[in-house]
Amino acid sequence: MTPPPPPPEAPALVLRGPFGSVWLETGAIMLKRDGDLLRIPIRAIEGIRTVGRRATLVELSLTAPAGTPATVHRLRCRDRRAVARFAAAAEAALPVRDHAEPREDGAALTEYVERRKPGPLARVPRRRLLAVTAALGAYGGGLATMIVAGETHQAFMWGFGVIPLIAGALWARVVARGMYRRSVLRRHGVTVVATVRKRSSGYSAYRFTDLSGATREIEDDALARRLTTNPERVGVTYDPRGRVEPRGVLSRTMRTVIVTGGAVGGVLVLGALYLLPYQLVVVLTGWDPLG
């Protein structure tokens, strides 16, 4: 009996993106991202596809046992044709599986060939580093432009205008995130009664039972309104789908305070816009519409 021919070897395609690269090897896919080099066996991959509005993102879904969420690796490349070619070639190299066939844990089969040495900025997202670097470059460039132009007054306002900008942006961000959570809970949340429990660490926590009968516990929400009949019980709203964390029910006074705080942050940001980019426009164009 003639043995079946071996499967065709996958073409040596390399897909390079701004934050990593991925390529095919015999029996595996190599993924290099953020300083880590992973060897993912072909048998550990469930599927490969292109995603994104412009199909510039390749997504590798690993196998997982039934009832277990699958590990997903993604890599972006600006050339969508290269992404499509790589996804097609890699998909053709995958073994044919039956839907009822038990799956292994693809994450456990993945091998780290190289690991990045953690540095002081290792846990900071790359996009945040790029944003901070760009902001510092723009700030330093604007300050240098005013100093070179001899505009001492504008340089002074530019130099100190960053203080209300940072303070207002951080405060507005905190308030906006809180208001987003509250809006999700107001539209999709379920409100239950929770009891206040003291932890061994000295901090308080709220314990409640959700609709599925499971007992849950969240950190103390200092803004939550205590029930007038029992100060040790509070109203807690949670999202059954888990999109946001549970939060205590606010009183009308606290909601007003939060909205007012957001408005204060907006005023600080508007003031900083006058102290920073507006002054730069005055220096570069010589036109001061408010002057």
C-alpha atoms as a PDB file:
ATOM      1  CA  MET A   1       0.000   0.000   0.000  1.00  0.00           C
ATOM      2  CA  THR A   2       1.406   3.327  -1.026  1.00  0.00           C
ATOM      3  CA  PRO A   3       1.646   5.765   1.915  1.00  0.00           C
ATOM      4  CA  PRO A   4      -0.216   9.048   1.505  1.00  0.00           C
ATOM      5  CA  PRO A   5       1.903  11.925   0.288  1.00  0.00           C
ATOM      6  CA  PRO A   6       3.112  14.352   2.958  1.00  0.00           C
ATOM      7  CA  PRO A   7       1.199  17.614   3.278  1.00  0.00           C
ATOM      8  CA  PRO A   8       2.632  20.436   1.242  1.00  0.00           C
ATOM      9  CA  GLU A   9       5.074  22.637   3.105  1.00  0.00           C
ATOM     10  CA  ALA A  10       3.709  26.071   3.926  1.00  0.00           C
ATOM     11  CA  PRO A  11       5.269  28.912   1.961  1.00  0.00           C
ATOM     12  CA  ALA A  12       7.814  31.000   3.858  1.00  0.00           C
ATOM     13  CA  LEU A  13       5.690  34.122   4.177  1.00  0.00           C
ATOM     14  CA  VAL A  14       6.625  36.853   6.633  1.00  0.00           C
ATOM     15  CA  LEU A  15       4.117  39.452   7.770  1.00  0.00           C
ATOM     16  CA  ARG A  16       5.643  42.530   9.385  1.00  0.00           C
ATOM     17  CA  GLY A  17       3.709  45.126  11.324  1.00  0.00           C
ATOM     18  CA  PRO A  18       4.588  48.226  13.325  1.00  0.00           C
ATOM     19  CA  PHE A  19       4.600  46.291  16.591  1.00  0.00           C
ATOM     20  CA  GLY A  20       5.823  42.833  15.585  1.00  0.00           C
ATOM     21  CA  SER A  21       5.992  40.162  12.913  1.00  0.00           C
ATOM     22  CA  VAL A  22       4.653  36.682  12.204  1.00  0.00           C
ATOM     23  CA  TRP A  23       5.893  34.009   9.833  1.00  0.00           C
ATOM     24  CA  LEU A  24       5.333  30.394   8.870  1.00  0.00           C
ATOM     25  CA  GLU A  25       7.714  27.577   9.647  1.00  0.00           C
ATOM     26  CA  THR A  26       7.408  23.845   9.190  1.00  0.00           C
ATOM     27  CA  GLY A  27       4.723  22.736  11.597  1.00  0.00           C
ATOM     28  CA  ALA A  28       4.452  26.041  13.424  1.00  0.00           C
ATOM     29  CA  ILE A  29       3.792  29.758  13.241  1.00  0.00           C
ATOM     30  CA  MET A  30       6.321  32.100  14.810  1.00  0.00           C
ATOM     31  CA  LEU A  31       5.017  35.294  16.380  1.00  0.00           C
ATOM     32  CA  LYS A  32       7.318  38.070  17.566  1.00  0.00           C
ATOM     33  CA  ARG A  33       5.614  40.860  19.476  1.00  0.00           C
ATOM     34  CA  ASP A  34       6.713  43.270  22.192  1.00  0.00           C
ATOM     35  CA  GLY A  35      10.071  41.536  22.500  1.00  0.00           C
ATOM     36  CA  ASP A  36       8.585  38.032  22.966  1.00  0.00           C
ATOM     37  CA  LEU A  37       9.082  35.289  20.378  1.00  0.00           C
ATOM     38  CA  LEU A  38       6.408  32.572  20.434  1.00  0.00           C
ATOM     39  CA  ARG A  39       6.372  29.274  18.594  1.00  0.00           C
ATOM     40  CA  ILE A  40       2.750  28.210  18.052  1.00  0.00           C
ATOM     41  CA  PRO A  41       2.350  24.671  16.700  1.00  0.00           C
ATOM     42  CA  ILE A  42      -0.015  24.299  13.777  1.00  0.00           C
ATOM     43  CA  ARG A  43      -2.070  21.780  15.733  1.00  0.00           C
ATOM     44  CA  ALA A  44      -2.603  24.425  18.451  1.00  0.00           C
ATOM     45  CA  ILE A  45      -4.335  26.832  16.041  1.00  0.00           C
ATOM     46  CA  GLU A  46      -8.085  26.637  15.559  1.00  0.00           C
ATOM     47  CA  GLY A  47      -8.390  29.263  12.849  1.00  0.00           C
ATOM     48  CA  ILE A  48      -6.808  32.294  11.192  1.00  0.00           C
ATOM     49  CA  ARG A  49      -8.695  35.219   9.741  1.00  0.00           C
ATOM     50  CA  THR A  50      -8.415  38.881   8.863  1.00  0.00           C
ATOM     51  CA  VAL A  51     -10.398  41.377  10.904  1.00  0.00           C
ATOM     52  CA  GLY A  52     -10.789  45.114  11.144  1.00  0.00           C
ATOM     53  CA  ARG A  53     -12.544  47.700   9.047  1.00  0.00           C
ATOM     54  CA  ARG A  54      -9.783  47.600   6.430  1.00  0.00           C
ATOM     55  CA  ALA A  55      -8.827  43.941   7.018  1.00  0.00           C
ATOM     56  CA  THR A  56      -5.342  44.972   8.182  1.00  0.00           C
ATOM     57  CA  LEU A  57      -5.383  42.789  11.289  1.00  0.00           C
ATOM     58  CA  VAL A  58      -4.574  39.085  11.290  1.00  0.00           C
ATOM     59  CA  GLU A  59      -6.106  37.077  14.131  1.00  0.00           C
ATOM     60  CA  LEU A  60      -4.877  33.663  15.321  1.00  0.00           C
ATOM     61  CA  SER A  61      -7.369  31.767  17.477  1.00  0.00           C
ATOM     62  CA  LEU A  62      -5.888  28.885  19.442  1.00  0.00           C
ATOM     63  CA  THR A  63      -7.653  25.645  20.254  1.00  0.00           C
ATOM     64  CA  ALA A  64      -9.371  25.345  23.619  1.00  0.00           C
ATOM     65  CA  PRO A  65     -11.344  22.637  25.437  1.00  0.00           C
ATOM     66  CA  ALA A  66     -15.115  22.928  25.401  1.00  0.00           C
ATOM     67  CA  GLY A  67     -16.353  25.649  27.730  1.00  0.00           C
ATOM     68  CA  THR A  68     -12.962  27.346  27.929  1.00  0.00           C
ATOM     69  CA  PRO A  69     -12.306  30.742  26.280  1.00  0.00           C
ATOM     70  CA  ALA A  70      -9.764  30.498  23.489  1.00  0.00           C
ATOM     71  CA  THR A  71      -6.527  32.488  23.463  1.00  0.00           C
ATOM     72  CA  VAL A  72      -6.350  34.962  20.572  1.00  0.00           C
ATOM     73  CA  HIS A  73      -3.233  36.617  19.127  1.00  0.00           C
ATOM     74  CA  ARG A  74      -3.510  39.643  16.835  1.00  0.00           C
ATOM     75  CA  LEU A  75      -1.011  41.515  14.704  1.00  0.00           C
ATOM     76  CA  ARG A  76      -1.624  44.604  12.605  1.00  0.00           C
ATOM     77  CA  CYS A  77      -0.019  45.277   9.224  1.00  0.00           C
ATOM     78  CA  ARG A  78      -0.599  48.290   6.988  1.00  0.00           C
ATOM     79  CA  ASP A  79      -0.627  46.204   3.790  1.00  0.00           C
ATOM     80  CA  ARG A  80      -3.992  44.443   3.711  1.00  0.00           C
ATOM     81  CA  ARG A  81      -2.991  42.407   0.652  1.00  0.00           C
ATOM     82  CA  ALA A  82      -0.040  40.984   2.570  1.00  0.00           C
ATOM     83  CA  VAL A  83      -2.400  40.230   5.470  1.00  0.00           C
ATOM     84  CA  ALA A  84      -4.798  38.401   3.129  1.00  0.00           C
ATOM     85  CA  ARG A  85      -1.966  36.370   1.543  1.00  0.00           C
ATOM     86  CA  PHE A  86      -0.570  35.346   4.914  1.00  0.00           C
ATOM     87  CA  ALA A  87      -3.985  34.424   6.338  1.00  0.00           C
ATOM     88  CA  ALA A  88      -4.804  32.308   3.262  1.00  0.00           C
ATOM     89  CA  ALA A  89      -1.456  30.489   3.329  1.00  0.00           C
ATOM     90  CA  ALA A  90      -1.617  29.861   7.071  1.00  0.00           C
ATOM     91  CA  GLU A  91      -5.231  28.701   6.903  1.00  0.00           C
ATOM     92  CA  ALA A  92      -4.309  26.209   4.171  1.00  0.00           C
ATOM     93  CA  ALA A  93      -1.618  24.736   6.437  1.00  0.00           C
ATOM     94  CA  LEU A  94      -4.052  23.993   9.278  1.00  0.00           C
ATOM     95  CA  PRO A  95      -5.229  20.411   9.775  1.00  0.00           C
ATOM     96  CA  VAL A  96      -8.807  19.502   8.901  1.00  0.00           C
ATOM     97  CA  ARG A  97     -10.744  18.889  12.111  1.00  0.00           C
ATOM     98  CA  ASP A  98     -14.193  17.609  12.893  1.00  0.00           C
ATOM     99  CA  HIS A  99     -16.342  19.969  14.948  1.00  0.00           C
ATOM    100  CA  ALA A 100     -17.019  17.233  17.488  1.00  0.00           C
ATOM    101  CA  GLU A 101     -13.325  16.411  17.905  1.00  0.00           C
ATOM    102  CA  PRO A 102     -11.991  17.260  21.399  1.00  0.00           C
ATOM    103  CA  ARG A 103      -9.626  20.211  21.438  1.00  0.00           C
ATOM    104  CA  GLU A 104      -6.345  20.625  23.272  1.00  0.00           C
ATOM    105  CA  ASP A 105      -5.391  23.797  25.091  1.00  0.00           C
ATOM    106  CA  GLY A 106      -3.481  25.683  22.413  1.00  0.00           C
ATOM    107  CA  ALA A 107      -2.060  28.145  24.939  1.00  0.00           C
ATOM    108  CA  ALA A 108      -0.392  25.292  26.824  1.00  0.00           C
ATOM    109  CA  LEU A 109       1.192  24.054  23.587  1.00  0.00           C
ATOM    110  CA  THR A 110       2.653  27.475  22.786  1.00  0.00           C
ATOM    111  CA  GLU A 111       6.382  27.760  23.475  1.00  0.00           C
ATOM    112  CA  TYR A 112       8.225  30.954  24.380  1.00  0.00           C
ATOM    113  CA  VAL A 113      11.477  30.888  22.431  1.00  0.00           C
ATOM    114  CA  GLU A 114      12.529  34.314  23.699  1.00  0.00           C
ATOM    115  CA  ARG A 115      11.141  36.450  26.472  1.00  0.00           C
ATOM    116  CA  ARG A 116      11.481  40.177  26.793  1.00  0.00           C
ATOM    117  CA  LYS A 117      13.502  41.374  29.749  1.00  0.00           C
ATOM    118  CA  PRO A 118      11.156  43.540  31.813  1.00  0.00           C
ATOM    119  CA  GLY A 119      12.274  47.147  32.077  1.00  0.00           C
ATOM    120  CA  PRO A 120      10.917  50.133  34.014  1.00  0.00           C
ATOM    121  CA  LEU A 121       8.412  50.849  31.204  1.00  0.00           C
ATOM    122  CA  ALA A 122       7.638  47.226  30.344  1.00  0.00           C
ATOM    123  CA  ARG A 123       4.055  47.378  31.623  1.00  0.00           C
ATOM    124  CA  VAL A 124       3.217  50.690  29.963  1.00  0.00           C
ATOM    125  CA  PRO A 125       1.228  50.186  26.731  1.00  0.00           C
ATOM    126  CA  ARG A 126       3.149  51.137  23.611  1.00  0.00           C
ATOM    127  CA  ARG A 127       0.447  53.505  22.403  1.00  0.00           C
ATOM    128  CA  ARG A 128       0.533  55.375  25.692  1.00  0.00           C
ATOM    129  CA  LEU A 129       4.314  55.745  25.443  1.00  0.00           C
ATOM    130  CA  LEU A 130       3.992  57.082  21.904  1.00  0.00           C
ATOM    131  CA  ALA A 131       1.276  59.531  22.971  1.00  0.00           C
ATOM    132  CA  VAL A 132       3.340  60.817  25.909  1.00  0.00           C
ATOM    133  CA  THR A 133       6.438  61.153  23.721  1.00  0.00           C
ATOM    134  CA  ALA A 134       4.494  63.080  21.069  1.00  0.00           C
ATOM    135  CA  ALA A 135       2.949  65.367  23.711  1.00  0.00           C
ATOM    136  CA  LEU A 136       6.340  66.123  25.274  1.00  0.00           C
ATOM    137  CA  GLY A 137       7.817  66.805  21.839  1.00  0.00           C
ATOM    138  CA  ALA A 138       4.986  69.200  20.956  1.00  0.00           C
ATOM    139  CA  TYR A 139       5.274  70.967  24.310  1.00  0.00           C
ATOM    140  CA  GLY A 140       9.052  71.375  24.067  1.00  0.00           C
ATOM    141  CA  GLY A 141       8.866  72.470  20.436  1.00  0.00           C
ATOM    142  CA  GLY A 142       6.250  75.128  21.185  1.00  0.00           C
ATOM    143  CA  LEU A 143       8.201  76.476  24.148  1.00  0.00           C
ATOM    144  CA  ALA A 144      11.411  76.634  22.092  1.00  0.00           C
ATOM    145  CA  THR A 145       9.570  78.458  19.281  1.00  0.00           C
ATOM    146  CA  MET A 146       8.371  81.187  21.632  1.00  0.00           C
ATOM    147  CA  ILE A 147      11.759  81.593  23.282  1.00  0.00           C
ATOM    148  CA  VAL A 148      13.493  81.901  19.913  1.00  0.00           C
ATOM    149  CA  ALA A 149      10.861  84.434  18.767  1.00  0.00           C
ATOM    150  CA  GLY A 150      11.554  86.515  21.879  1.00  0.00           C
ATOM    151  CA  GLU A 151       7.952  86.337  23.094  1.00  0.00           C
ATOM    152  CA  THR A 152       8.590  86.189  26.838  1.00  0.00           C
ATOM    153  CA  HIS A 153       4.968  86.690  27.866  1.00  0.00           C
ATOM    154  CA  GLN A 154       3.674  83.932  25.600  1.00  0.00           C
ATOM    155  CA  ALA A 155       6.515  81.615  26.644  1.00  0.00           C
ATOM    156  CA  PHE A 156       5.596  82.146  30.304  1.00  0.00           C
ATOM    157  CA  MET A 157       1.936  81.352  29.640  1.00  0.00           C
ATOM    158  CA  TRP A 158       2.927  78.324  27.543  1.00  0.00           C
ATOM    159  CA  GLY A 159       5.257  77.032  30.241  1.00  0.00           C
ATOM    160  CA  PHE A 160       2.690  77.198  33.037  1.00  0.00           C
ATOM    161  CA  GLY A 161      -0.366  76.434  30.897  1.00  0.00           C
ATOM    162  CA  VAL A 162       0.457  72.746  30.971  1.00  0.00           C
ATOM    163  CA  ILE A 163      -0.477  72.568  34.667  1.00  0.00           C
ATOM    164  CA  PRO A 164      -4.232  73.226  34.241  1.00  0.00           C
ATOM    165  CA  LEU A 165      -4.196  71.144  31.048  1.00  0.00           C
ATOM    166  CA  ILE A 166      -2.892  68.033  32.790  1.00  0.00           C
ATOM    167  CA  ALA A 167      -5.013  68.577  35.904  1.00  0.00           C
ATOM    168  CA  GLY A 168      -8.171  69.228  33.902  1.00  0.00           C
ATOM    169  CA  ALA A 169      -7.598  66.325  31.501  1.00  0.00           C
ATOM    170  CA  LEU A 170      -6.956  63.840  34.323  1.00  0.00           C
ATOM    171  CA  TRP A 171      -9.953  65.046  36.314  1.00  0.00           C
ATOM    172  CA  ALA A 172     -12.234  65.037  33.279  1.00  0.00           C
ATOM    173  CA  ARG A 173     -11.043  61.511  32.411  1.00  0.00           C
ATOM    174  CA  VAL A 174     -11.840  60.198  35.893  1.00  0.00           C
ATOM    175  CA  VAL A 175     -15.292  61.813  35.854  1.00  0.00           C
ATOM    176  CA  ALA A 176     -16.018  60.650  32.286  1.00  0.00           C
ATOM    177  CA  ARG A 177     -15.117  57.040  33.117  1.00  0.00           C
ATOM    178  CA  GLY A 178     -17.301  57.152  36.194  1.00  0.00           C
ATOM    179  CA  MET A 179     -20.221  58.630  34.268  1.00  0.00           C
ATOM    180  CA  TYR A 180     -19.832  55.983  31.556  1.00  0.00           C
ATOM    181  CA  ARG A 181     -20.015  53.186  34.122  1.00  0.00           C
ATOM    182  CA  ARG A 182     -23.034  54.763  35.719  1.00  0.00           C
ATOM    183  CA  SER A 183     -24.791  55.176  32.366  1.00  0.00           C
ATOM    184  CA  VAL A 184     -24.255  51.510  31.485  1.00  0.00           C
ATOM    185  CA  LEU A 185     -25.546  50.430  34.873  1.00  0.00           C
ATOM    186  CA  ARG A 186     -28.529  52.766  34.616  1.00  0.00           C
ATOM    187  CA  ARG A 187     -29.555  51.296  31.244  1.00  0.00           C
ATOM    188  CA  HIS A 188     -28.639  47.627  31.667  1.00  0.00           C
ATOM    189  CA  GLY A 189     -27.994  47.105  35.379  1.00  0.00           C
ATOM    190  CA  VAL A 190     -29.864  45.249  38.099  1.00  0.00           C
ATOM    191  CA  THR A 191     -30.133  46.857  41.538  1.00  0.00           C
ATOM    192  CA  VAL A 192     -29.919  44.667  44.630  1.00  0.00           C
ATOM    193  CA  VAL A 193     -29.405  45.214  48.352  1.00  0.00           C
ATOM    194  CA  ALA A 194     -25.891  44.553  49.646  1.00  0.00           C
ATOM    195  CA  THR A 195     -24.556  44.274  53.175  1.00  0.00           C
ATOM    196  CA  VAL A 196     -21.454  46.040  54.418  1.00  0.00           C
ATOM    197  CA  ARG A 197     -18.747  43.668  55.611  1.00  0.00           C
ATOM    198  CA  LYS A 198     -15.510  44.563  57.353  1.00  0.00           C
ATOM    199  CA  ARG A 199     -12.434  42.817  55.995  1.00  0.00           C
ATOM    200  CA  SER A 200      -9.417  41.732  58.010  1.00  0.00           C
ATOM    201  CA  SER A 201      -7.396  44.479  56.282  1.00  0.00           C
ATOM    202  CA  GLY A 202      -9.662  47.092  57.861  1.00  0.00           C
ATOM    203  CA  TYR A 203     -11.388  48.084  54.615  1.00  0.00           C
ATOM    204  CA  SER A 204     -15.104  47.599  53.981  1.00  0.00           C
ATOM    205  CA  ALA A 205     -16.702  45.620  51.175  1.00  0.00           C
ATOM    206  CA  TYR A 206     -20.218  45.144  49.848  1.00  0.00           C
ATOM    207  CA  ARG A 207     -21.536  41.596  49.575  1.00  0.00           C
ATOM    208  CA  PHE A 208     -24.620  40.784  47.539  1.00  0.00           C
ATOM    209  CA  THR A 209     -26.314  37.910  45.725  1.00  0.00           C
ATOM    210  CA  ASP A 210     -26.954  38.284  42.002  1.00  0.00           C
ATOM    211  CA  LEU A 211     -29.883  36.895  40.013  1.00  0.00           C
ATOM    212  CA  SER A 212     -28.048  33.634  39.330  1.00  0.00           C
ATOM    213  CA  GLY A 213     -27.696  32.975  43.063  1.00  0.00           C
ATOM    214  CA  ALA A 214     -23.949  33.610  43.183  1.00  0.00           C
ATOM    215  CA  THR A 215     -22.517  35.633  46.075  1.00  0.00           C
ATOM    216  CA  ARG A 216     -20.358  38.525  44.926  1.00  0.00           C
ATOM    217  CA  GLU A 217     -18.275  41.121  46.704  1.00  0.00           C
ATOM    218  CA  ILE A 218     -17.007  44.531  45.641  1.00  0.00           C
ATOM    219  CA  GLU A 219     -14.817  47.189  47.213  1.00  0.00           C
ATOM    220  CA  ASP A 220     -16.414  49.860  49.368  1.00  0.00           C
ATOM    221  CA  ASP A 221     -17.900  52.656  47.265  1.00  0.00           C
ATOM    222  CA  ALA A 222     -17.607  55.774  49.409  1.00  0.00           C
ATOM    223  CA  LEU A 223     -20.188  57.578  47.253  1.00  0.00           C
ATOM    224  CA  ALA A 224     -22.889  54.933  47.725  1.00  0.00           C
ATOM    225  CA  ARG A 225     -26.093  55.900  49.474  1.00  0.00           C
ATOM    226  CA  ARG A 226     -26.807  53.977  52.673  1.00  0.00           C
ATOM    227  CA  LEU A 227     -30.341  52.799  53.283  1.00  0.00           C
ATOM    228  CA  THR A 228     -32.078  54.960  55.844  1.00  0.00           C
ATOM    229  CA  THR A 229     -33.599  51.948  57.587  1.00  0.00           C
ATOM    230  CA  ASN A 230     -30.254  50.174  58.038  1.00  0.00           C
ATOM    231  CA  PRO A 231     -26.910  51.965  57.561  1.00  0.00           C
ATOM    232  CA  GLU A 232     -25.183  48.595  57.142  1.00  0.00           C
ATOM    233  CA  ARG A 233     -27.106  47.941  53.924  1.00  0.00           C
ATOM    234  CA  VAL A 234     -26.661  49.747  50.615  1.00  0.00           C
ATOM    235  CA  GLY A 235     -28.119  49.571  47.152  1.00  0.00           C
ATOM    236  CA  VAL A 236     -25.732  48.126  44.542  1.00  0.00           C
ATOM    237  CA  THR A 237     -26.269  48.015  40.791  1.00  0.00           C
ATOM    238  CA  TYR A 238     -24.422  45.441  38.677  1.00  0.00           C
ATOM    239  CA  ASP A 239     -24.376  44.546  34.997  1.00  0.00           C
ATOM    240  CA  PRO A 240     -25.349  40.875  34.403  1.00  0.00           C
ATOM    241  CA  ARG A 241     -23.139  40.830  31.292  1.00  0.00           C
ATOM    242  CA  GLY A 242     -20.133  42.128  33.228  1.00  0.00           C
ATOM    243  CA  ARG A 243     -19.337  45.087  30.961  1.00  0.00           C
ATOM    244  CA  VAL A 244     -18.587  47.375  33.909  1.00  0.00           C
ATOM    245  CA  GLU A 245     -17.890  46.856  37.579  1.00  0.00           C
ATOM    246  CA  PRO A 246     -20.762  47.033  40.087  1.00  0.00           C
ATOM    247  CA  ARG A 247     -21.277  50.352  41.820  1.00  0.00           C
ATOM    248  CA  GLY A 248     -23.304  51.615  44.744  1.00  0.00           C
ATOM    249  CA  VAL A 249     -26.481  53.577  44.068  1.00  0.00           C
ATOM    250  CA  LEU A 250     -25.835  57.337  44.233  1.00  0.00           C
ATOM    251  CA  SER A 251     -28.011  59.962  45.811  1.00  0.00           C
ATOM    252  CA  ARG A 252     -29.187  62.909  43.744  1.00  0.00           C
ATOM    253  CA  THR A 253     -26.742  65.166  45.594  1.00  0.00           C
ATOM    254  CA  MET A 254     -23.748  62.983  44.699  1.00  0.00           C
ATOM    255  CA  ARG A 255     -24.827  62.837  41.051  1.00  0.00           C
ATOM    256  CA  THR A 256     -24.894  66.625  40.997  1.00  0.00           C
ATOM    257  CA  VAL A 257     -21.429  66.770  42.573  1.00  0.00           C
ATOM    258  CA  ILE A 258     -20.017  64.413  39.926  1.00  0.00           C
ATOM    259  CA  VAL A 259     -21.492  66.402  37.047  1.00  0.00           C
ATOM    260  CA  THR A 260     -20.171  69.629  38.578  1.00  0.00           C
ATOM    261  CA  GLY A 261     -16.723  68.057  38.899  1.00  0.00           C
ATOM    262  CA  GLY A 262     -16.761  67.165  35.221  1.00  0.00           C
ATOM    263  CA  ALA A 263     -17.670  70.743  34.359  1.00  0.00           C
ATOM    264  CA  VAL A 264     -14.750  72.018  36.461  1.00  0.00           C
ATOM    265  CA  GLY A 265     -12.386  69.728  34.567  1.00  0.00           C
ATOM    266  CA  GLY A 266     -13.779  71.043  31.281  1.00  0.00           C
ATOM    267  CA  VAL A 267     -13.174  74.647  32.382  1.00  0.00           C
ATOM    268  CA  LEU A 268      -9.561  73.823  33.255  1.00  0.00           C
ATOM    269  CA  VAL A 269      -9.017  72.233  29.840  1.00  0.00           C
ATOM    270  CA  LEU A 270     -10.540  75.254  28.073  1.00  0.00           C
ATOM    271  CA  GLY A 271      -8.297  77.575  30.067  1.00  0.00           C
ATOM    272  CA  ALA A 272      -5.273  75.511  29.102  1.00  0.00           C
ATOM    273  CA  LEU A 273      -6.275  75.711  25.442  1.00  0.00           C
ATOM    274  CA  TYR A 274      -6.021  79.495  25.753  1.00  0.00           C
ATOM    275  CA  LEU A 275      -2.653  79.296  27.487  1.00  0.00           C
ATOM    276  CA  LEU A 276      -1.113  76.741  25.097  1.00  0.00           C
ATOM    277  CA  PRO A 277      -2.173  76.442  21.421  1.00  0.00           C
ATOM    278  CA  TYR A 278      -3.791  79.875  21.293  1.00  0.00           C
ATOM    279  CA  GLN A 279      -0.547  81.540  22.349  1.00  0.00           C
ATOM    280  CA  LEU A 280       1.375  79.550  19.745  1.00  0.00           C
ATOM    281  CA  VAL A 281      -1.000  80.744  17.021  1.00  0.00           C
ATOM    282  CA  VAL A 282      -0.431  84.345  18.168  1.00  0.00           C
ATOM    283  CA  VAL A 283       3.356  83.929  17.975  1.00  0.00           C
ATOM    284  CA  LEU A 284       3.394  82.204  14.579  1.00  0.00           C
ATOM    285  CA  THR A 285       0.796  84.389  12.817  1.00  0.00           C
ATOM    286  CA  GLY A 286       1.015  87.640  14.754  1.00  0.00           C
ATOM    287  CA  TRP A 287      -2.790  87.767  14.872  1.00  0.00           C
ATOM    288  CA  ASP A 288      -4.534  87.955  18.231  1.00  0.00           C
ATOM    289  CA  PRO A 289      -8.323  87.899  17.773  1.00  0.00           C
ATOM    290  CA  LEU A 290      -8.842  88.507  21.511  1.00  0.00           C
ATOM    291  CA  GLY A 291      -6.256  91.241  21.697  1.00  0.00           C
END
